[in-house]
Amino acid sequence: MTSLKAPPSAPLVQTGTSSWCADCDGRPSERITAFPAGNTRADLLAERAAAAHGHGAHVHFVPRGDLFAVVVPVVAAQ
């Protein structure tokens, strides 16, 4: 069976975000990096990566893939 999941390091523009994310506010987001949730320090590593990146980067838990993704909301061109 072929996996359709993008590698965690690959940038990914998502067409939608979870409605619970106040930071994304319904905007699409770009994945900066991701950490497998099987790593007991994944949430800490993801938070540190988001803080280091800046520019509104924050962490989403992605149940489909069981990982913590560092994302940045995509800002629409004005």
N, C-alpha and C. Protein backbone atom coordinates (compact mmCIF):
# COMPACT_ATOMS: atom_id res chain seq x y z
N MET A 1 0.84 -1.18 0.00
CA MET A 1 0.00 0.00 0.00
C MET A 1 0.89 1.24 0.00
N THR A 2 0.58 2.21 -0.84
CA THR A 2 1.34 3.43 -0.95
C THR A 2 0.83 4.45 0.06
N SER A 3 1.75 5.09 0.77
CA SER A 3 1.37 6.12 1.73
C SER A 3 1.15 7.44 1.00
N LEU A 4 0.08 8.13 1.33
CA LEU A 4 -0.22 9.42 0.74
C LEU A 4 0.22 10.56 1.64
N LYS A 5 0.77 10.24 2.81
CA LYS A 5 1.17 11.27 3.76
C LYS A 5 2.48 11.91 3.32
N ALA A 6 2.53 13.23 3.34
CA ALA A 6 3.76 13.94 2.99
C ALA A 6 4.79 13.72 4.07
N PRO A 7 6.07 13.71 3.71
CA PRO A 7 7.10 13.59 4.73
C PRO A 7 6.98 14.76 5.71
N PRO A 8 7.24 14.52 7.01
CA PRO A 8 7.06 15.58 8.00
C PRO A 8 7.87 16.84 7.72
N SER A 9 9.00 16.72 7.03
CA SER A 9 9.82 17.90 6.78
C SER A 9 9.37 18.69 5.57
N ALA A 10 8.47 18.13 4.77
CA ALA A 10 8.04 18.81 3.55
C ALA A 10 7.04 19.90 3.88
N PRO A 11 7.25 21.12 3.32
CA PRO A 11 6.24 22.17 3.52
C PRO A 11 4.92 21.72 2.91
N LEU A 12 3.86 22.09 3.53
CA LEU A 12 2.55 21.67 3.06
C LEU A 12 1.58 22.80 3.29
N VAL A 13 0.95 23.25 2.24
CA VAL A 13 -0.11 24.24 2.40
C VAL A 13 -1.40 23.46 2.52
N GLN A 14 -2.05 23.61 3.63
CA GLN A 14 -3.29 22.91 3.88
C GLN A 14 -4.44 23.78 3.41
N THR A 15 -5.46 23.16 2.86
CA THR A 15 -6.58 23.94 2.35
C THR A 15 -7.50 24.42 3.46
N GLY A 16 -7.39 23.86 4.62
CA GLY A 16 -8.21 24.29 5.74
C GLY A 16 -7.52 23.99 7.03
N THR A 17 -8.03 24.50 8.09
CA THR A 17 -7.46 24.24 9.40
C THR A 17 -8.57 23.79 10.32
N SER A 18 -8.19 23.30 11.47
CA SER A 18 -9.18 22.90 12.45
C SER A 18 -9.91 24.14 12.96
N SER A 19 -11.20 24.03 13.13
CA SER A 19 -11.99 25.18 13.54
C SER A 19 -11.66 25.65 14.95
N TRP A 20 -10.99 24.79 15.73
CA TRP A 20 -10.66 25.16 17.11
C TRP A 20 -9.45 26.07 17.20
N CYS A 21 -8.69 26.24 16.12
CA CYS A 21 -7.45 26.99 16.20
C CYS A 21 -7.71 28.49 16.06
N ALA A 22 -7.61 29.21 17.17
CA ALA A 22 -7.84 30.64 17.17
C ALA A 22 -6.73 31.38 16.42
N ASP A 23 -5.51 30.82 16.41
CA ASP A 23 -4.40 31.47 15.72
C ASP A 23 -4.59 31.45 14.21
N CYS A 24 -5.06 30.34 13.68
CA CYS A 24 -5.27 30.24 12.23
C CYS A 24 -6.55 30.95 11.80
N ASP A 25 -7.54 30.97 12.65
CA ASP A 25 -8.82 31.65 12.40
C ASP A 25 -9.42 31.27 11.04
N GLY A 26 -9.36 29.96 10.72
CA GLY A 26 -9.96 29.47 9.49
C GLY A 26 -9.11 29.63 8.24
N ARG A 27 -7.94 30.28 8.35
CA ARG A 27 -7.06 30.46 7.19
C ARG A 27 -6.28 29.18 6.92
N PRO A 28 -5.85 28.97 5.67
CA PRO A 28 -4.95 27.86 5.39
C PRO A 28 -3.62 28.08 6.11
N SER A 29 -2.86 27.02 6.29
CA SER A 29 -1.58 27.14 6.97
C SER A 29 -0.50 26.38 6.21
N GLU A 30 0.73 26.80 6.40
CA GLU A 30 1.87 26.12 5.79
C GLU A 30 2.62 25.38 6.89
N ARG A 31 2.87 24.10 6.66
CA ARG A 31 3.62 23.30 7.63
C ARG A 31 5.10 23.62 7.49
N ILE A 32 5.73 23.98 8.59
CA ILE A 32 7.15 24.29 8.61
C ILE A 32 7.94 23.02 8.89
N THR A 33 7.54 22.29 9.90
CA THR A 33 8.18 21.03 10.27
C THR A 33 7.19 20.23 11.11
N ALA A 34 7.54 19.00 11.42
CA ALA A 34 6.66 18.16 12.23
C ALA A 34 7.50 17.19 13.05
N PHE A 35 6.92 16.76 14.17
CA PHE A 35 7.58 15.83 15.08
C PHE A 35 6.62 14.69 15.40
N PRO A 36 7.04 13.43 15.20
CA PRO A 36 6.16 12.29 15.50
C PRO A 36 5.78 12.28 16.98
N ALA A 37 4.51 12.07 17.25
CA ALA A 37 4.02 12.08 18.63
C ALA A 37 4.57 10.92 19.45
N GLY A 38 5.12 9.90 18.79
CA GLY A 38 5.73 8.79 19.51
C GLY A 38 6.95 9.22 20.31
N ASN A 39 7.54 10.33 19.94
CA ASN A 39 8.65 10.90 20.70
C ASN A 39 8.06 11.61 21.92
N THR A 40 8.47 11.21 23.10
CA THR A 40 7.87 11.77 24.32
C THR A 40 8.15 13.26 24.48
N ARG A 41 9.11 13.80 23.75
CA ARG A 41 9.43 15.22 23.83
C ARG A 41 8.93 15.99 22.60
N ALA A 42 8.12 15.36 21.78
CA ALA A 42 7.68 15.97 20.53
C ALA A 42 6.97 17.30 20.74
N ASP A 43 6.08 17.38 21.72
CA ASP A 43 5.36 18.63 21.92
C ASP A 43 6.31 19.76 22.34
N LEU A 44 7.28 19.45 23.19
CA LEU A 44 8.26 20.44 23.61
C LEU A 44 9.12 20.88 22.43
N LEU A 45 9.58 19.93 21.62
CA LEU A 45 10.40 20.24 20.46
C LEU A 45 9.62 21.10 19.46
N ALA A 46 8.35 20.78 19.27
CA ALA A 46 7.52 21.54 18.34
C ALA A 46 7.30 22.97 18.85
N GLU A 47 7.05 23.12 20.15
CA GLU A 47 6.86 24.46 20.72
C GLU A 47 8.13 25.29 20.58
N ARG A 48 9.28 24.67 20.81
CA ARG A 48 10.55 25.39 20.66
C ARG A 48 10.78 25.79 19.21
N ALA A 49 10.48 24.90 18.28
CA ALA A 49 10.65 25.22 16.86
C ALA A 49 9.73 26.36 16.45
N ALA A 50 8.50 26.37 16.94
CA ALA A 50 7.56 27.44 16.62
C ALA A 50 8.05 28.77 17.18
N ALA A 51 8.54 28.76 18.42
CA ALA A 51 9.04 29.98 19.03
C ALA A 51 10.26 30.51 18.27
N ALA A 52 11.14 29.61 17.84
CA ALA A 52 12.33 30.02 17.11
C ALA A 52 11.98 30.57 15.73
N HIS A 53 10.94 30.04 15.11
CA HIS A 53 10.55 30.49 13.77
C HIS A 53 9.90 31.87 13.81
N GLY A 54 9.05 32.11 14.82
CA GLY A 54 8.34 33.38 14.89
C GLY A 54 7.28 33.49 13.82
N HIS A 55 6.91 34.71 13.43
CA HIS A 55 5.96 34.98 12.35
C HIS A 55 4.62 34.27 12.52
N GLY A 56 4.17 34.14 13.76
CA GLY A 56 2.88 33.50 14.00
C GLY A 56 2.90 31.98 14.01
N ALA A 57 4.10 31.40 13.98
CA ALA A 57 4.20 29.93 14.00
C ALA A 57 3.66 29.40 15.31
N HIS A 58 2.95 28.29 15.21
CA HIS A 58 2.39 27.65 16.40
C HIS A 58 2.22 26.16 16.09
N VAL A 59 1.77 25.41 17.08
CA VAL A 59 1.74 23.95 16.96
C VAL A 59 0.30 23.44 16.83
N HIS A 60 0.11 22.53 15.89
CA HIS A 60 -1.14 21.78 15.76
C HIS A 60 -0.83 20.31 16.05
N PHE A 61 -1.71 19.63 16.76
CA PHE A 61 -1.61 18.18 16.84
C PHE A 61 -2.42 17.63 15.67
N VAL A 62 -1.81 16.75 14.90
CA VAL A 62 -2.47 16.18 13.72
C VAL A 62 -2.76 14.72 14.01
N PRO A 63 -4.04 14.39 14.34
CA PRO A 63 -4.37 13.00 14.65
C PRO A 63 -4.10 12.04 13.50
N ARG A 64 -4.40 12.48 12.27
CA ARG A 64 -4.10 11.65 11.10
C ARG A 64 -2.63 11.83 10.79
N GLY A 65 -1.83 10.96 11.28
CA GLY A 65 -0.39 11.06 11.15
C GLY A 65 0.28 11.03 12.52
N ASP A 66 -0.51 11.27 13.57
CA ASP A 66 -0.04 11.21 14.95
C ASP A 66 1.25 12.02 15.12
N LEU A 67 1.13 13.33 14.84
CA LEU A 67 2.32 14.17 14.95
C LEU A 67 1.95 15.58 15.40
N PHE A 68 2.97 16.29 15.85
CA PHE A 68 2.84 17.70 16.20
C PHE A 68 3.45 18.48 15.04
N ALA A 69 2.64 19.30 14.37
CA ALA A 69 3.10 20.06 13.22
C ALA A 69 3.27 21.52 13.61
N VAL A 70 4.38 22.11 13.21
CA VAL A 70 4.60 23.54 13.38
C VAL A 70 4.09 24.20 12.12
N VAL A 71 3.12 25.09 12.26
CA VAL A 71 2.48 25.73 11.11
C VAL A 71 2.50 27.24 11.24
N VAL A 72 2.38 27.89 10.08
CA VAL A 72 2.26 29.34 10.01
C VAL A 72 1.02 29.63 9.16
N PRO A 73 0.08 30.44 9.66
CA PRO A 73 -1.07 30.79 8.82
C PRO A 73 -0.63 31.50 7.55
N VAL A 74 -1.27 31.17 6.44
CA VAL A 74 -0.97 31.80 5.17
C VAL A 74 -1.72 33.12 5.13
N VAL A 75 -0.99 34.19 4.87
CA VAL A 75 -1.58 35.52 4.80
C VAL A 75 -1.96 35.80 3.36
N ALA A 76 -3.19 36.17 3.15
CA ALA A 76 -3.66 36.45 1.79
C ALA A 76 -2.98 37.71 1.26
N ALA A 77 -2.64 37.69 -0.04
CA ALA A 77 -2.03 38.87 -0.67
C ALA A 77 -3.05 39.99 -0.73
N GLN A 78 -2.60 41.17 -0.46
CA GLN A 78 -3.51 42.33 -0.43
C GLN A 78 -3.44 43.10 -1.71
